[in-house]
Amino acid sequence: MYEKFFGLTEKPFAITPDPRYLFLSERHAEALAHLAYGIQEAGGFVQLTGEVGTGKTMVVRSLLQQLPANCDMALILNPRITPAEFLLAICDELHVPVPERLTTSVKALVDLLTRFLLDAHARGRRVVVMVDEAQNLSPDVLEQVRLLTNLETATQKLLQIILVGQPELRDVLGRSDLRQLAQRITGRYHLEALTRPETLAYVRHRLRVAGATADVFTAGALREVHRQSGGIPRVINVICDRALLGAFTREEHRVTGGLIRQAASEVYGRPVLAPWVRWLAVSGAAAAVALLGVATWQVLPLREAQEPVAAVPAPPQDNPAAEPPAAAPASEAPVAEVPAAPIVRDLPAILALAPGETTTDAAFRELLGLWGAGYEAGAAAPCNQVASHGLQCFAELGTLAQLKLINRPAILSLTDPSGVEHQVVLERLEGDVARIAVGASRHDVSVGELAGYWFGEFLVVWRPSIPMAKQLHIGMRGDDVRWLRDALATLEGTPVQAERPDLFDGDLERLVEDFQRSRRLSVDGIAGVQTQLVLDSALGTPGSPTLSGAAAGDDA
C-alpha cells in the first residue's frame, strides 16, 4: 500500500511476530535472558508473564531461533487440553512414536516420555517443554506438569519446563493447592510495557528494519504514539500502521501527532482529543466551579438578609373541605417520564456466559445465516463452505471505520482479560453501539468497550459479481474488468465511454484512483479485493446484509 511512498521495503508495523523486528528493550533483553537461562540450566520451571500485546510471543520466537544445537524443544500452543492430550502433544512435538492403543493412557505416555528422555540424556541432548498461554492450563494438567519434573537421574533433571502466560498465571500458581509446583519455579520474569523513550526507539527501530532512511514520524507524533498506546507494542503497531496509511492518503511524507490521534480514534472507535484540549476542558471546569463558589458566597448573605421570616402556619380549620386544595410543592410536581436508554451489556460477562458459542464454527454458522446460507461444522474448511454458496471470504487487519465503509457483517476476533480468544459476529454498527451475535443470542455493547478487546482482525463474507474476485490492474482484460468499469460508471451516473470496455487502461486506472480517494482507501489505481468489496457496498447489491441496518439497494 504505502511502502513505496515512504521509501520502505515492507510494512514495518505488521502484528505478526517476526523475529527480525525484535526490539530488545531492557525488559525484552532480560526476558530473553531468563528463557535462555532456563534452557541452559537443569531442573525446575521458568515463568515468563506479561500483559496482552507486550511482546511475549516475539521473545519466544526469537528464543526458538537461538536454540543450542543439542536442544530439543516441544512447544505447546494450545493449553486447553486434558492431561493425556498434553502428554500426547509433547510426544508429537518430540517425534516420540505412540501406538494408537496408548494415546489415552497417561501412565503409558509418561513411560514413553521417560524412555525418550533417558535416551536423550545419554546422547547429551537437552529437552525443553515450553507452554504458551499457560494461564489456561487446568489444575489437572498443571499437576501433570509438576510430575514431569520428577523425571530425573541421580544428578540431573531430564526435562526443563518454561511457562509463558498473562499476569493471571501468577495468580494460578499462587493457589495453595499448587504450592508444590510454585516452589519448583527457579526463575520468574514479568514483561512490562515500554517506557516513553523505549516506545520512541521501538518505532524508529521497526522503520529502520523496513528500510526507512529518514524520520517518518515527527517528535510530537512519537510522543503521541506512547500516550495513545500506553507502551503496548501490539497497540503501537496497529496505531502506527493506520497513521502511515492516513498520511499516505493525504500525500503527506511526515506523520504528525494529529494523524496519530486520528489513527487512534479509528482503532478505539471513539474520538481521541489532543492533550491541550483535555487540559483546557479540565481547567475550564475548575474555573467554573471556582466562580460558582464565589458567586454563592456573595449572594447567600444578601438573600438571607432580604428573605422574610416564615409565618407560623395557622391551625387547621373546622371545615377543611371548604378550603381550596393546596398546591403541591414544586419538588412533588409530576415529572414527565424519560424513556430508558437501551441496555448495553458488559462484554466480558457476555463472553463468560457463552462457553462454546464463540468458536470459529459458531461464528461462521451465524454469519452465513445472515446470508441465508447453511454451515456444517467439520464438513469442510469454513471459507470452502462459504465458496460453495457463491460467496467469498475476505480477511484483513483494520478498524471499525473500515468496517463501516465495507458495511457487511464481520467475524471479529476478541481477546478477553484472561487472554482467551473469542470469535463473534458484528451484526450492526450504529453510532456508539455495536450489536454482536454470540451463538444464537444478540447483545448491544458500546463501541469503546468492543475496541478494547479487538485488535483489528476481522473477516467478512460477500458475493462478488464476478466468479472469483481477484486483483485487477492496468493491462488486464476480461469480463471482470468490464464489470469494474460498469460499476464505477453506475456509481458516478455516467455512461461507459471506452473503445475496449474489457481492457484495464489508463482511464480506468484514474477512475479507480478517484474512487479509492473518495473512500479513503489506499490510492494505487489497483482494484484489489478490498476496493471491489467497498465498491460492491457502495452500489448496494440487493440481498446483501449490511452493518448499517438499511437493506442493501436502498436509496437511503
Protein backbone atom coordinates (compact mmCIF):
# COMPACT_ATOMS: atom_id res chain seq x y z
CA MET A 1 0.00 0.00 0.00
CA TYR A 2 2.13 2.86 1.33
CA GLU A 3 5.59 1.24 1.30
CA LYS A 4 6.93 2.92 -1.87
CA PHE A 5 5.53 6.29 -0.84
CA PHE A 6 7.66 6.29 2.33
CA GLY A 7 10.66 4.53 0.77
CA LEU A 8 10.08 1.29 2.68
CA THR A 9 10.71 -2.25 1.50
CA GLU A 10 7.86 -3.75 3.56
CA LYS A 11 5.21 -2.85 6.12
CA PRO A 12 7.06 -2.03 9.35
CA PHE A 13 4.16 -2.44 11.79
CA ALA A 14 2.61 -5.81 11.00
CA ILE A 15 1.37 -7.52 14.17
CA THR A 16 2.72 -10.93 13.17
CA PRO A 17 5.67 -11.82 15.47
CA ASP A 18 8.59 -11.55 13.04
CA PRO A 19 11.87 -12.06 14.99
CA ARG A 20 13.68 -9.69 12.59
CA TYR A 21 11.73 -6.86 14.20
CA LEU A 22 12.54 -7.85 17.78
CA PHE A 23 13.32 -4.68 19.70
CA LEU A 24 15.47 -5.59 22.66
CA SER A 25 14.40 -3.08 25.23
CA GLU A 26 15.89 -3.59 28.66
CA ARG A 27 12.81 -5.61 29.62
CA HIS A 28 12.79 -7.76 26.48
CA ALA A 29 16.52 -8.44 26.77
CA GLU A 30 16.07 -9.59 30.38
CA ALA A 31 13.09 -11.76 29.40
CA LEU A 32 15.09 -13.42 26.61
CA ALA A 33 17.99 -13.95 29.02
CA HIS A 34 15.67 -15.62 31.53
CA LEU A 35 14.39 -18.04 28.91
CA ALA A 36 17.91 -18.78 27.65
CA TYR A 37 18.95 -19.47 31.25
CA GLY A 38 16.02 -21.85 31.61
CA ILE A 39 17.23 -23.85 28.62
CA GLN A 40 20.89 -23.99 29.68
CA GLU A 41 20.32 -24.79 33.35
CA ALA A 42 18.80 -28.03 34.59
CA GLY A 43 15.71 -28.54 36.67
CA GLY A 44 12.60 -26.72 37.77
CA PHE A 45 10.40 -24.23 35.93
CA VAL A 46 10.97 -20.83 34.35
CA GLN A 47 7.96 -18.48 34.32
CA LEU A 48 7.52 -15.55 31.92
CA THR A 49 4.42 -13.35 32.22
CA GLY A 50 3.27 -10.13 30.61
CA GLU A 51 0.15 -8.22 29.61
CA VAL A 52 -1.55 -8.89 26.27
CA GLY A 53 0.47 -7.40 23.44
CA THR A 54 3.70 -6.74 25.38
CA GLY A 55 5.78 -8.98 23.11
CA LYS A 56 5.89 -12.38 24.84
CA THR A 57 5.36 -14.28 21.58
CA MET A 58 8.07 -12.23 19.87
CA VAL A 59 10.53 -13.14 22.64
CA VAL A 60 9.56 -16.82 22.34
CA ARG A 61 10.06 -16.78 18.54
CA SER A 62 13.46 -15.16 18.99
CA LEU A 63 14.42 -17.79 21.54
CA LEU A 64 13.49 -20.57 19.11
CA GLN A 65 15.94 -19.12 16.60
CA GLN A 66 18.72 -19.20 19.21
CA LEU A 67 18.30 -22.76 20.47
CA PRO A 68 21.55 -24.61 21.16
CA ALA A 69 22.36 -27.40 18.72
CA ASN A 70 21.92 -30.03 21.44
CA CYS A 71 18.42 -28.86 22.48
CA ASP A 72 15.07 -30.43 21.55
CA MET A 73 12.06 -28.16 22.07
CA ALA A 74 8.40 -29.12 22.47
CA LEU A 75 6.24 -26.00 22.02
CA ILE A 76 2.65 -26.32 23.28
CA LEU A 77 0.45 -23.54 21.92
CA ASN A 78 -3.00 -24.87 22.90
CA PRO A 79 -3.06 -25.48 26.66
CA ARG A 80 -6.82 -26.12 26.94
CA ILE A 81 -6.39 -29.88 26.87
CA THR A 82 -6.58 -32.89 29.17
CA PRO A 83 -3.51 -34.45 30.87
CA ALA A 84 -3.43 -37.27 28.31
CA GLU A 85 -3.71 -34.80 25.41
CA PHE A 86 -0.95 -32.70 26.97
CA LEU A 87 1.41 -35.66 27.15
CA LEU A 88 0.46 -36.73 23.64
CA ALA A 89 1.17 -33.21 22.34
CA ILE A 90 4.67 -33.34 23.90
CA CYS A 91 5.28 -36.72 22.27
CA ASP A 92 4.16 -35.35 18.90
CA GLU A 93 6.46 -32.32 19.22
CA LEU A 94 9.43 -34.50 20.16
CA HIS A 95 8.59 -37.11 17.48
CA VAL A 96 8.12 -39.87 20.02
CA PRO A 97 6.16 -42.72 18.34
CA VAL A 98 2.95 -43.53 20.23
CA PRO A 99 0.91 -46.66 19.40
CA GLU A 100 -2.77 -45.91 18.81
CA ARG A 101 -3.88 -48.04 21.76
CA LEU A 102 -1.79 -45.96 24.20
CA THR A 103 -2.94 -42.45 23.19
CA THR A 104 -5.40 -42.15 26.10
CA SER A 105 -3.26 -43.76 28.84
CA VAL A 106 -1.42 -41.23 31.00
CA LYS A 107 0.84 -43.91 32.50
CA ALA A 108 1.80 -45.33 29.11
CA LEU A 109 2.57 -41.87 27.73
CA VAL A 110 4.72 -41.00 30.75
CA ASP A 111 6.63 -44.29 30.32
CA LEU A 112 7.28 -43.50 26.65
CA LEU A 113 8.48 -39.99 27.54
CA THR A 114 10.72 -41.34 30.30
CA ARG A 115 12.46 -43.74 27.91
CA PHE A 116 12.88 -40.93 25.36
CA LEU A 117 14.32 -38.55 27.97
CA LEU A 118 16.78 -41.15 29.30
CA ASP A 119 17.94 -41.82 25.77
CA ALA A 120 18.29 -38.08 25.05
CA HIS A 121 20.29 -37.63 28.27
CA ALA A 122 22.62 -40.46 27.28
CA ARG A 123 23.21 -38.71 23.91
CA GLY A 124 23.98 -35.42 25.66
CA ARG A 125 20.82 -33.67 24.49
CA ARG A 126 18.60 -31.33 26.50
CA VAL A 127 14.80 -31.46 26.27
CA VAL A 128 12.66 -28.42 26.96
CA VAL A 129 8.86 -28.10 27.03
CA MET A 130 7.55 -24.57 26.54
CA VAL A 131 3.86 -23.87 27.17
CA ASP A 132 2.41 -20.65 25.74
CA GLU A 133 -0.79 -19.12 27.22
CA ALA A 134 -0.06 -21.23 30.29
CA GLN A 135 -2.64 -19.33 32.38
CA ASN A 136 -5.26 -21.51 30.63
CA LEU A 137 -3.83 -24.80 31.93
CA SER A 138 -6.30 -26.72 34.08
CA PRO A 139 -5.28 -27.82 37.61
CA ASP A 140 -5.09 -31.46 36.44
CA VAL A 141 -2.67 -30.57 33.64
CA LEU A 142 -0.60 -28.37 35.97
CA GLU A 143 -0.29 -31.31 38.35
CA GLN A 144 0.87 -33.46 35.44
CA VAL A 145 3.40 -30.77 34.56
CA ARG A 146 4.74 -30.93 38.12
CA LEU A 147 5.01 -34.71 37.98
CA LEU A 148 7.03 -34.49 34.77
CA THR A 149 9.75 -32.61 36.65
CA ASN A 150 10.18 -35.70 38.83
CA LEU A 151 11.76 -37.45 35.85
CA GLU A 152 15.45 -37.35 36.74
CA THR A 153 18.69 -39.20 37.08
CA ALA A 154 20.73 -39.28 40.27
CA THR A 155 22.31 -35.93 39.40
CA GLN A 156 20.14 -34.11 36.87
CA LYS A 157 16.55 -33.38 35.87
CA LEU A 158 15.66 -34.83 32.50
CA LEU A 159 13.16 -32.16 31.49
CA GLN A 160 13.08 -28.37 31.69
CA ILE A 161 9.68 -26.64 31.54
CA ILE A 162 9.05 -22.99 30.61
CA LEU A 163 5.62 -21.48 31.30
CA VAL A 164 4.68 -18.36 29.32
CA GLY A 165 1.43 -16.56 30.02
CA GLN A 166 -0.51 -13.48 31.01
CA PRO A 167 -0.44 -11.98 34.54
CA GLU A 168 -3.21 -14.35 35.60
CA LEU A 169 -0.62 -17.15 35.51
CA ARG A 170 0.91 -15.71 38.69
CA ASP A 171 -2.47 -15.92 40.40
CA VAL A 172 -2.96 -19.50 39.21
CA LEU A 173 0.42 -20.60 40.54
CA GLY A 174 -0.21 -18.74 43.79
CA ARG A 175 -3.04 -21.11 44.76
CA SER A 176 -2.41 -23.18 47.86
CA ASP A 177 -3.20 -26.46 46.10
CA LEU A 178 -0.43 -25.72 43.57
CA ARG A 179 2.23 -24.66 46.06
CA GLN A 180 4.35 -27.74 45.31
CA LEU A 181 4.60 -26.59 41.69
CA ALA A 182 5.23 -22.95 42.62
CA GLN A 183 8.13 -23.98 44.87
CA ARG A 184 9.91 -25.50 41.87
CA ILE A 185 9.95 -22.27 39.86
CA THR A 186 13.59 -21.26 39.64
CA GLY A 187 13.14 -18.12 37.54
CA ARG A 188 10.34 -15.57 37.26
CA TYR A 189 10.11 -12.54 34.99
CA HIS A 190 7.24 -10.16 34.21
CA LEU A 191 7.37 -8.27 30.91
CA GLU A 192 6.21 -4.66 31.36
CA ALA A 193 5.02 -2.17 28.74
CA LEU A 194 7.62 0.04 27.05
CA THR A 195 8.61 3.33 28.63
CA ARG A 196 8.28 6.54 26.62
CA PRO A 197 11.95 6.59 25.43
CA GLU A 198 11.68 2.87 24.59
CA THR A 199 8.49 3.49 22.61
CA LEU A 200 10.25 6.14 20.52
CA ALA A 201 13.21 3.83 19.94
CA TYR A 202 10.87 0.93 19.13
CA VAL A 203 9.06 2.85 16.37
CA ARG A 204 12.34 4.05 14.84
CA HIS A 205 13.82 0.55 15.06
CA ARG A 206 10.95 -1.03 13.12
CA LEU A 207 11.08 1.70 10.48
CA ARG A 208 14.83 1.13 10.01
CA VAL A 209 14.33 -2.64 9.62
CA ALA A 210 11.70 -1.90 6.96
CA GLY A 211 14.17 0.24 5.01
CA ALA A 212 13.44 3.81 6.18
CA THR A 213 16.37 6.18 5.67
CA ALA A 214 14.79 9.25 7.30
CA ASP A 215 12.45 10.03 10.20
CA VAL A 216 8.87 9.40 9.08
CA PHE A 217 7.27 10.32 12.43
CA THR A 218 7.67 13.79 13.92
CA ALA A 219 8.81 14.11 17.53
CA GLY A 220 5.27 15.11 18.53
CA ALA A 221 3.87 12.05 16.74
CA LEU A 222 6.22 9.74 18.61
CA ARG A 223 5.17 11.24 21.96
CA GLU A 224 1.53 10.80 20.94
CA VAL A 225 2.15 7.16 19.98
CA HIS A 226 3.27 6.40 23.54
CA ARG A 227 0.37 8.36 25.06
CA GLN A 228 -2.24 6.56 22.96
CA SER A 229 -0.74 3.06 23.21
CA GLY A 230 0.47 3.02 26.81
CA GLY A 231 3.70 1.42 25.54
CA ILE A 232 1.99 -1.85 24.47
CA PRO A 233 3.89 -2.99 21.35
CA ARG A 234 0.88 -4.56 19.60
CA VAL A 235 -1.19 -1.40 20.04
CA ILE A 236 1.78 0.70 18.88
CA ASN A 237 1.90 -1.38 15.69
CA VAL A 238 -1.80 -1.02 14.91
CA ILE A 239 -1.86 2.75 15.53
CA CYS A 240 1.34 3.42 13.57
CA ASP A 241 0.15 1.32 10.63
CA ARG A 242 -3.12 3.27 10.46
CA ALA A 243 -1.25 6.57 10.79
CA LEU A 244 1.06 5.70 7.88
CA LEU A 245 -1.95 4.82 5.76
CA GLY A 246 -3.62 8.10 6.73
CA ALA A 247 -0.52 10.12 5.80
CA PHE A 248 -0.29 8.23 2.51
CA THR A 249 -3.89 9.01 1.53
CA ARG A 250 -3.23 12.69 2.31
CA GLU A 251 0.05 12.52 0.38
CA GLU A 252 1.98 13.75 3.44
CA HIS A 253 5.50 12.37 3.90
CA ARG A 254 5.62 13.00 7.66
CA VAL A 255 3.28 11.53 10.28
CA THR A 256 2.16 14.17 12.78
CA GLY A 257 0.55 13.98 16.20
CA GLY A 258 -2.81 14.79 14.64
CA LEU A 259 -2.57 11.76 12.34
CA ILE A 260 -1.69 9.57 15.33
CA ARG A 261 -4.79 10.79 17.19
CA GLN A 262 -6.93 10.17 14.13
CA ALA A 263 -5.49 6.66 13.80
CA ALA A 264 -6.12 6.00 17.50
CA SER A 265 -9.71 7.20 17.06
CA GLU A 266 -10.21 4.64 14.30
CA VAL A 267 -8.56 1.87 16.31
CA TYR A 268 -10.50 2.55 19.51
CA GLY A 269 -13.75 3.53 17.77
CA ARG A 270 -14.07 6.77 19.75
CA PRO A 271 -12.78 10.34 19.45
CA VAL A 272 -9.28 10.95 20.80
CA LEU A 273 -8.54 14.52 21.86
CA ALA A 274 -5.24 16.36 21.96
CA PRO A 275 -3.74 16.74 25.45
CA TRP A 276 -4.22 20.51 25.47
CA VAL A 277 -7.94 20.12 24.69
CA ARG A 278 -8.45 17.91 27.73
CA TRP A 279 -6.32 20.23 29.87
CA LEU A 280 -8.41 23.18 28.70
CA ALA A 281 -11.63 21.33 29.48
CA VAL A 282 -10.44 20.44 32.98
CA SER A 283 -9.17 23.96 33.59
CA GLY A 284 -12.44 25.44 32.36
CA ALA A 285 -14.46 23.16 34.62
CA ALA A 286 -12.29 24.08 37.61
CA ALA A 287 -12.67 27.77 36.84
CA ALA A 288 -16.43 27.40 36.55
CA VAL A 289 -16.61 25.67 39.92
CA ALA A 290 -14.48 28.42 41.49
CA LEU A 291 -16.68 31.18 40.03
CA LEU A 292 -19.81 29.40 41.18
CA GLY A 293 -18.37 29.18 44.70
CA VAL A 294 -17.55 32.91 44.76
CA ALA A 295 -20.99 33.84 43.44
CA THR A 296 -22.71 31.64 46.02
CA TRP A 297 -20.59 33.11 48.83
CA GLN A 298 -21.56 36.67 47.77
CA VAL A 299 -25.27 36.03 47.13
CA LEU A 300 -26.21 33.91 50.13
CA PRO A 301 -25.72 36.62 52.83
CA LEU A 302 -27.75 39.13 50.77
CA ARG A 303 -30.51 36.59 50.23
CA GLU A 304 -30.64 35.78 53.96
CA ALA A 305 -30.98 39.50 54.77
CA GLN A 306 -33.82 40.04 52.29
CA GLU A 307 -35.85 36.90 52.99
CA PRO A 308 -38.92 37.50 55.22
CA VAL A 309 -39.35 35.45 58.35
CA ALA A 310 -41.58 32.49 57.64
CA ALA A 311 -45.04 32.82 59.22
CA VAL A 312 -46.21 30.23 61.73
CA PRO A 313 -48.75 28.03 59.98
CA ALA A 314 -52.37 28.58 61.15
CA PRO A 315 -54.14 25.76 62.93
CA PRO A 316 -56.38 23.62 60.72
CA GLN A 317 -59.95 24.85 60.09
CA ASP A 318 -63.00 23.00 61.37
CA ASN A 319 -64.21 22.58 57.81
CA PRO A 320 -61.15 21.68 55.77
CA ALA A 321 -63.33 20.75 52.84
CA ALA A 322 -64.15 24.41 52.37
CA GLU A 323 -60.50 25.27 51.85
CA PRO A 324 -59.15 25.12 48.31
CA PRO A 325 -56.67 22.30 47.84
CA ALA A 326 -53.10 23.42 48.46
CA ALA A 327 -50.75 23.41 45.51
CA ALA A 328 -48.27 20.61 45.53
CA PRO A 329 -44.72 21.64 46.32
CA ALA A 330 -42.51 22.13 43.30
CA SER A 331 -40.48 19.10 44.27
CA GLU A 332 -43.60 16.95 44.16
CA ALA A 333 -44.83 18.20 40.78
CA PRO A 334 -45.35 15.40 38.26
CA VAL A 335 -42.30 14.83 36.08
CA ALA A 336 -42.53 13.56 32.52
CA GLU A 337 -41.01 10.10 32.20
CA VAL A 338 -37.83 9.92 30.14
CA PRO A 339 -37.60 6.79 28.01
CA ALA A 340 -34.85 4.48 29.24
CA ALA A 341 -31.74 4.16 27.12
CA PRO A 342 -31.16 0.77 25.52
CA ILE A 343 -29.38 -1.63 27.83
CA VAL A 344 -25.74 -2.13 26.84
CA ARG A 345 -24.42 -5.40 28.23
CA ASP A 346 -20.95 -5.83 29.75
CA LEU A 347 -18.76 -7.54 27.12
CA PRO A 348 -16.68 -9.75 29.46
CA ALA A 349 -19.89 -11.01 31.06
CA ILE A 350 -21.35 -11.81 27.63
CA LEU A 351 -18.28 -13.82 26.65
CA ALA A 352 -18.12 -15.59 30.02
CA LEU A 353 -21.79 -16.66 29.79
CA ALA A 354 -21.38 -18.19 26.32
CA PRO A 355 -18.87 -21.08 26.61
CA GLY A 356 -18.63 -22.95 23.35
CA GLU A 357 -20.56 -20.26 21.45
CA THR A 358 -17.55 -18.15 20.48
CA THR A 359 -15.74 -20.72 18.36
CA THR A 360 -14.89 -20.29 14.69
CA ASP A 361 -17.59 -22.77 13.69
CA ALA A 362 -20.26 -20.96 15.75
CA ALA A 363 -19.28 -17.60 14.24
CA PHE A 364 -19.38 -18.89 10.65
CA ARG A 365 -22.75 -20.52 11.32
CA GLU A 366 -24.23 -17.19 12.42
CA LEU A 367 -22.51 -15.16 9.68
CA LEU A 368 -23.67 -17.45 6.88
CA GLY A 369 -27.14 -17.46 8.42
CA LEU A 370 -27.33 -13.71 7.73
CA TRP A 371 -26.79 -14.55 4.05
CA GLY A 372 -29.48 -17.23 4.13
CA ALA A 373 -26.89 -19.99 3.81
CA GLY A 374 -26.16 -23.01 5.96
CA TYR A 375 -22.95 -24.10 7.66
CA GLU A 376 -21.91 -27.55 8.89
CA ALA A 377 -19.12 -27.76 11.45
CA GLY A 378 -16.33 -30.07 10.37
CA ALA A 379 -17.75 -30.72 6.90
CA ALA A 380 -15.11 -28.62 5.11
CA ALA A 381 -12.88 -25.61 5.70
CA PRO A 382 -15.08 -22.60 6.60
CA CYS A 383 -14.16 -20.48 3.58
CA ASN A 384 -14.62 -23.51 1.28
CA GLN A 385 -18.18 -23.79 2.59
CA VAL A 386 -18.57 -20.06 2.01
CA ALA A 387 -17.46 -20.51 -1.61
CA SER A 388 -19.96 -23.34 -2.14
CA HIS A 389 -22.75 -20.75 -1.62
CA GLY A 390 -21.33 -18.40 -4.25
CA LEU A 391 -19.80 -16.18 -1.58
CA GLN A 392 -16.22 -15.24 -0.81
CA CYS A 393 -14.19 -14.66 2.38
CA PHE A 394 -12.13 -11.53 2.91
CA ALA A 395 -9.87 -11.39 5.98
CA GLU A 396 -7.99 -8.25 6.94
CA LEU A 397 -6.47 -6.27 9.79
CA GLY A 398 -8.32 -2.95 10.04
CA THR A 399 -10.53 -0.65 12.07
CA LEU A 400 -14.21 -0.12 12.84
CA ALA A 401 -14.14 2.83 10.45
CA GLN A 402 -13.02 0.45 7.71
CA LEU A 403 -15.82 -1.96 8.59
CA LYS A 404 -18.35 0.88 8.37
CA LEU A 405 -17.07 1.56 4.86
CA ILE A 406 -17.33 -2.10 3.86
CA ASN A 407 -20.80 -2.21 5.51
CA ARG A 408 -21.00 -6.00 5.75
CA PRO A 409 -21.37 -8.15 8.90
CA ALA A 410 -18.00 -9.45 10.05
CA ILE A 411 -16.43 -12.04 12.33
CA LEU A 412 -14.28 -10.26 14.91
CA SER A 413 -11.53 -11.95 16.91
CA LEU A 414 -11.77 -10.70 20.52
CA THR A 415 -9.36 -11.39 23.38
CA ASP A 416 -10.87 -11.37 26.88
CA PRO A 417 -8.99 -10.28 30.05
CA SER A 418 -7.77 -13.86 30.63
CA GLY A 419 -6.22 -14.00 27.16
CA VAL A 420 -8.78 -16.38 25.64
CA GLU A 421 -9.75 -15.62 22.03
CA HIS A 422 -13.41 -15.45 21.04
CA GLN A 423 -14.98 -15.25 17.60
CA VAL A 424 -18.16 -13.15 17.48
CA VAL A 425 -20.20 -11.70 14.62
CA LEU A 426 -20.52 -7.92 14.34
CA GLU A 427 -24.06 -7.65 13.05
CA ARG A 428 -24.90 -3.95 13.42
CA LEU A 429 -22.86 -0.78 13.92
CA GLU A 430 -24.82 2.38 14.68
CA GLY A 431 -23.31 5.38 16.43
CA ASP A 432 -21.63 4.31 19.65
CA VAL A 433 -23.43 0.96 19.89
CA ALA A 434 -22.42 -2.30 18.23
CA ARG A 435 -24.66 -5.36 18.04
CA ILE A 436 -22.80 -8.65 18.23
CA ALA A 437 -24.06 -12.19 17.74
CA VAL A 438 -22.71 -14.72 20.24
CA GLY A 439 -24.14 -18.00 19.13
CA ALA A 440 -27.87 -17.56 18.69
CA SER A 441 -28.09 -14.59 21.10
CA ARG A 442 -27.72 -10.90 20.25
CA HIS A 443 -26.20 -8.23 22.51
CA ASP A 444 -25.67 -4.48 22.28
CA VAL A 445 -22.28 -3.28 23.56
CA SER A 446 -20.55 0.07 23.46
CA VAL A 447 -18.13 0.61 20.58
CA GLY A 448 -15.48 1.82 23.02
CA GLU A 449 -15.63 -1.39 25.05
CA LEU A 450 -15.61 -3.54 21.92
CA ALA A 451 -12.47 -1.76 20.67
CA GLY A 452 -10.73 -2.59 23.95
CA TYR A 453 -10.99 -6.33 23.25
CA TRP A 454 -10.39 -6.21 19.48
CA PHE A 455 -7.02 -5.69 17.83
CA GLY A 456 -8.24 -5.28 14.26
CA GLU A 457 -8.62 -8.85 12.97
CA PHE A 458 -11.83 -9.34 11.01
CA LEU A 459 -13.35 -11.50 8.29
CA VAL A 460 -16.27 -10.53 6.08
CA VAL A 461 -18.27 -12.54 3.58
CA TRP A 462 -19.55 -11.02 0.35
CA ARG A 463 -20.99 -12.01 -3.01
CA PRO A 464 -18.69 -10.81 -5.81
CA SER A 465 -20.30 -10.00 -9.14
CA ILE A 466 -17.58 -11.99 -10.92
CA PRO A 467 -16.98 -15.69 -10.13
CA MET A 468 -13.83 -15.14 -8.06
CA ALA A 469 -12.67 -11.65 -7.11
CA LYS A 470 -9.01 -11.05 -7.82
CA GLN A 471 -6.68 -8.08 -8.05
CA LEU A 472 -7.31 -6.05 -11.22
CA HIS A 473 -4.66 -3.72 -12.61
CA ILE A 474 -3.64 -1.90 -15.78
CA GLY A 475 -3.13 -4.12 -18.83
CA MET A 476 -5.63 -6.82 -17.78
CA ARG A 477 -8.58 -7.86 -19.96
CA GLY A 478 -11.80 -9.78 -19.37
CA ASP A 479 -15.32 -9.73 -18.01
CA ASP A 480 -14.10 -8.79 -14.52
CA VAL A 481 -12.54 -5.60 -15.95
CA ARG A 482 -15.80 -4.88 -17.82
CA TRP A 483 -17.72 -5.26 -14.53
CA LEU A 484 -15.32 -2.89 -12.78
CA ARG A 485 -15.78 -0.21 -15.46
CA ASP A 486 -19.57 -0.63 -15.48
CA ALA A 487 -19.76 -0.48 -11.67
CA LEU A 488 -17.74 2.74 -11.46
CA ALA A 489 -19.84 4.31 -14.23
CA THR A 490 -23.07 3.30 -12.46
CA LEU A 491 -21.83 4.83 -9.22
CA GLU A 492 -20.95 8.09 -10.99
CA GLY A 493 -24.17 8.10 -13.02
CA THR A 494 -22.32 8.39 -16.31
CA PRO A 495 -22.37 6.15 -19.39
CA VAL A 496 -19.41 3.92 -20.19
CA GLN A 497 -17.19 5.62 -22.76
CA ALA A 498 -14.40 3.30 -23.82
CA GLU A 499 -13.43 1.64 -27.08
CA ARG A 500 -12.46 -1.53 -25.20
CA PRO A 501 -14.63 -1.74 -22.07
CA ASP A 502 -12.95 -5.04 -21.12
CA LEU A 503 -9.43 -3.52 -21.12
CA PHE A 504 -7.93 -2.04 -17.96
CA ASP A 505 -6.37 1.09 -19.45
CA GLY A 506 -5.07 4.39 -18.09
CA ASP A 507 -8.55 5.95 -17.99
CA LEU A 508 -9.90 3.11 -15.87
CA GLU A 509 -6.88 3.36 -13.58
CA ARG A 510 -7.69 7.04 -12.97
CA LEU A 511 -11.34 6.14 -12.25
CA VAL A 512 -10.19 3.56 -9.71
CA GLU A 513 -7.86 6.10 -8.07
CA ASP A 514 -10.70 8.64 -7.83
CA PHE A 515 -12.96 6.06 -6.19
CA GLN A 516 -10.23 4.99 -3.75
CA ARG A 517 -9.53 8.60 -2.85
CA SER A 518 -13.23 9.32 -2.24
CA ARG A 519 -13.48 6.31 0.10
CA ARG A 520 -10.19 6.96 1.97
CA LEU A 521 -8.67 3.75 0.60
CA SER A 522 -5.07 3.23 -0.41
CA VAL A 523 -4.78 5.17 -3.68
CA ASP A 524 -2.76 2.94 -6.02
CA GLY A 525 -5.06 2.53 -9.05
CA ILE A 526 -5.20 -1.23 -8.44
CA ALA A 527 -8.66 -2.67 -7.85
CA GLY A 528 -7.83 -5.22 -5.16
CA VAL A 529 -10.42 -7.30 -3.35
CA GLN A 530 -10.96 -4.62 -0.69
CA THR A 531 -11.58 -1.94 -3.33
CA GLN A 532 -14.04 -4.24 -5.10
CA LEU A 533 -15.77 -5.03 -1.81
CA VAL A 534 -16.20 -1.34 -0.95
CA LEU A 535 -17.45 -0.70 -4.50
CA ASP A 536 -19.96 -3.53 -4.16
CA SER A 537 -21.15 -2.00 -0.88
CA ALA A 538 -21.44 1.46 -2.45
CA LEU A 539 -23.61 0.03 -5.22
CA GLY A 540 -25.91 -1.57 -2.63
CA THR A 541 -26.13 -5.05 -4.11
CA PRO A 542 -29.66 -6.37 -3.30
CA GLY A 543 -29.83 -9.29 -0.90
CA SER A 544 -26.65 -8.43 0.96
CA PRO A 545 -26.87 -7.90 4.75
CA THR A 546 -25.41 -4.61 5.99
CA LEU A 547 -23.95 -3.24 9.21
CA SER A 548 -25.95 -0.02 8.91
CA GLY A 549 -29.29 -1.81 9.20
CA ALA A 550 -30.58 -0.45 5.89
CA ALA A 551 -31.38 -3.05 3.27
CA ALA A 552 -28.80 -3.20 0.50
CA GLY A 553 -30.03 -1.37 -2.53
CA ASP A 554 -31.99 1.25 -0.56
CA ASP A 555 -31.54 4.81 -1.68
CA ALA A 556 -31.28 5.99 1.90
